[in-house]
Amino acid sequence: MDILKIVSFSFMVLFVLLLFKEEREDIRILIGIAASCILLLLIFPQIKSLFTIIEELSVKAKIDFIYIKIVLKVIGITYLATFCSEICKDAGENSLASKVEITAKILILISTVPIMMAVLNSIVKVIEG
């Protein structure tokens, strides 16, 4: 099971981090960043499978995949920005963490423009009759 790999890896990293608790904060930060990246890489195969399933469902439901793609992109931006922001906070860089969050919000806004345009076009068509 993947969760067992993730939990056991996390406990091993936690043990190593506790060994360096008082002595080397710089090494602890690097270990934390490396471990975070490895954890993210561990779940990539499941994410790929999820995208394939969602694509198949959108074809069956006859939904334009471009809209599904935008929603998945927004979800991805949200998760990655949160992940990066938390790493920055762990390293004591709260200012950088907030900049990552603001940048992600702007990217989300930009990514949703096609959906907003489609909604506006639909409203215009309804109003025009």
Protein backbone atom coordinates (compact mmCIF):
# COMPACT_ATOMS: atom_id res chain seq x y z
CA MET A 1 0.00 0.00 0.00
CA ASP A 2 1.25 3.43 -0.92
CA ILE A 3 0.16 5.03 2.34
CA LEU A 4 2.37 2.61 4.26
CA LYS A 5 5.36 3.67 2.14
CA ILE A 6 4.55 7.32 2.72
CA VAL A 7 4.05 6.95 6.47
CA SER A 8 7.15 4.81 7.00
CA PHE A 9 9.29 7.15 4.89
CA SER A 10 7.92 10.13 6.83
CA PHE A 11 8.74 8.51 10.17
CA MET A 12 12.29 7.75 9.00
CA VAL A 13 12.76 11.35 7.93
CA LEU A 14 11.27 12.54 11.21
CA PHE A 15 13.78 10.41 13.12
CA VAL A 16 16.68 11.91 11.12
CA LEU A 17 15.31 15.41 11.66
CA LEU A 18 15.10 14.80 15.40
CA LEU A 19 18.76 13.76 15.39
CA PHE A 20 19.69 17.18 14.02
CA LYS A 21 17.18 19.10 16.12
CA GLU A 22 19.54 21.28 18.12
CA GLU A 23 22.71 21.18 16.06
CA ARG A 24 22.23 21.87 12.36
CA GLU A 25 19.16 23.80 11.31
CA ASP A 26 20.55 24.22 7.79
CA ILE A 27 20.75 20.45 7.28
CA ARG A 28 17.28 19.99 8.74
CA ILE A 29 15.81 22.41 6.21
CA LEU A 30 17.53 20.62 3.30
CA ILE A 31 16.41 17.21 4.54
CA GLY A 32 12.85 18.50 4.90
CA ILE A 33 12.81 19.91 1.38
CA ALA A 34 14.28 16.72 -0.11
CA ALA A 35 11.82 14.55 1.80
CA SER A 36 8.91 16.72 0.67
CA CYS A 37 9.95 16.37 -2.96
CA ILE A 38 10.32 12.60 -2.62
CA LEU A 39 6.84 12.35 -1.08
CA LEU A 40 5.44 14.33 -3.98
CA LEU A 41 7.19 12.04 -6.47
CA LEU A 42 5.75 8.98 -4.73
CA ILE A 43 2.21 9.99 -5.61
CA PHE A 44 2.77 11.03 -9.24
CA PRO A 45 1.73 7.62 -10.68
CA GLN A 46 -1.61 7.85 -8.86
CA ILE A 47 -2.12 11.40 -10.10
CA LYS A 48 -1.49 10.26 -13.68
CA SER A 49 -4.06 7.46 -13.26
CA LEU A 50 -6.57 9.94 -11.87
CA PHE A 51 -6.14 12.24 -14.88
CA THR A 52 -6.70 9.31 -17.25
CA ILE A 53 -9.91 8.34 -15.45
CA ILE A 54 -11.19 11.91 -15.46
CA GLU A 55 -10.42 12.23 -19.18
CA GLU A 56 -12.35 9.02 -19.91
CA LEU A 57 -15.31 10.22 -17.85
CA SER A 58 -15.39 13.57 -19.63
CA VAL A 59 -15.45 11.81 -23.01
CA LYS A 60 -18.33 9.58 -21.86
CA ALA A 61 -20.23 12.57 -20.46
CA LYS A 62 -19.53 14.54 -23.66
CA ILE A 63 -17.99 17.42 -21.72
CA ASP A 64 -15.42 19.52 -23.53
CA PHE A 65 -12.12 18.38 -22.02
CA ILE A 66 -10.71 21.91 -22.14
CA TYR A 67 -12.93 22.88 -19.18
CA ILE A 68 -11.95 19.78 -17.22
CA LYS A 69 -8.31 20.56 -18.01
CA ILE A 70 -8.69 24.08 -16.60
CA VAL A 71 -10.26 22.78 -13.39
CA LEU A 72 -7.46 20.21 -13.00
CA LYS A 73 -4.88 22.93 -13.64
CA VAL A 74 -6.41 25.10 -10.92
CA ILE A 75 -6.39 22.16 -8.50
CA GLY A 76 -2.76 21.46 -9.38
CA ILE A 77 -1.75 25.08 -8.87
CA THR A 78 -3.50 25.09 -5.51
CA TYR A 79 -1.84 21.91 -4.25
CA LEU A 80 1.64 22.78 -5.52
CA ALA A 81 1.48 26.33 -4.17
CA THR A 82 0.32 25.10 -0.78
CA PHE A 83 3.08 22.49 -0.78
CA CYS A 84 5.72 25.09 -1.67
CA SER A 85 4.32 27.61 0.79
CA GLU A 86 4.45 25.10 3.64
CA ILE A 87 8.07 24.23 2.81
CA CYS A 88 8.92 27.95 2.86
CA LYS A 89 7.20 28.31 6.24
CA ASP A 90 9.09 25.29 7.60
CA ALA A 91 12.31 27.01 6.55
CA GLY A 92 11.23 30.16 8.39
CA GLU A 93 10.59 32.16 5.21
CA ASN A 94 7.04 33.35 5.88
CA SER A 95 7.41 36.32 3.53
CA LEU A 96 8.35 34.07 0.60
CA ALA A 97 5.50 31.72 1.51
CA SER A 98 2.97 34.53 1.25
CA LYS A 99 4.41 35.60 -2.12
CA VAL A 100 3.98 32.03 -3.41
CA GLU A 101 0.35 32.07 -2.26
CA ILE A 102 -0.38 35.42 -3.91
CA THR A 103 1.29 34.33 -7.15
CA ALA A 104 -0.76 31.12 -7.16
CA LYS A 105 -3.98 33.10 -6.73
CA ILE A 106 -3.07 35.27 -9.71
CA LEU A 107 -2.27 32.18 -11.80
CA ILE A 108 -5.61 30.66 -10.84
CA LEU A 109 -7.40 33.84 -11.90
CA ILE A 110 -5.59 33.86 -15.24
CA SER A 111 -6.29 30.14 -15.77
CA THR A 112 -10.02 30.56 -15.28
CA VAL A 113 -10.46 33.29 -17.91
CA PRO A 114 -11.63 30.82 -20.61
CA ILE A 115 -14.34 29.48 -18.30
CA MET A 116 -15.43 33.00 -17.37
CA MET A 117 -15.60 33.92 -21.07
CA ALA A 118 -17.70 30.83 -21.83
CA VAL A 119 -20.13 31.71 -19.02
CA LEU A 120 -20.38 35.32 -20.22
CA ASN A 121 -20.97 34.17 -23.80
CA SER A 122 -23.76 31.88 -22.59
CA ILE A 123 -25.36 34.74 -20.67
CA VAL A 124 -25.18 37.01 -23.73
CA LYS A 125 -26.80 34.31 -25.89
CA VAL A 126 -29.65 33.89 -23.37
CA ILE A 127 -30.21 37.64 -23.16
CA GLU A 128 -30.14 38.09 -26.95
CA GLY A 129 -32.69 35.33 -27.22
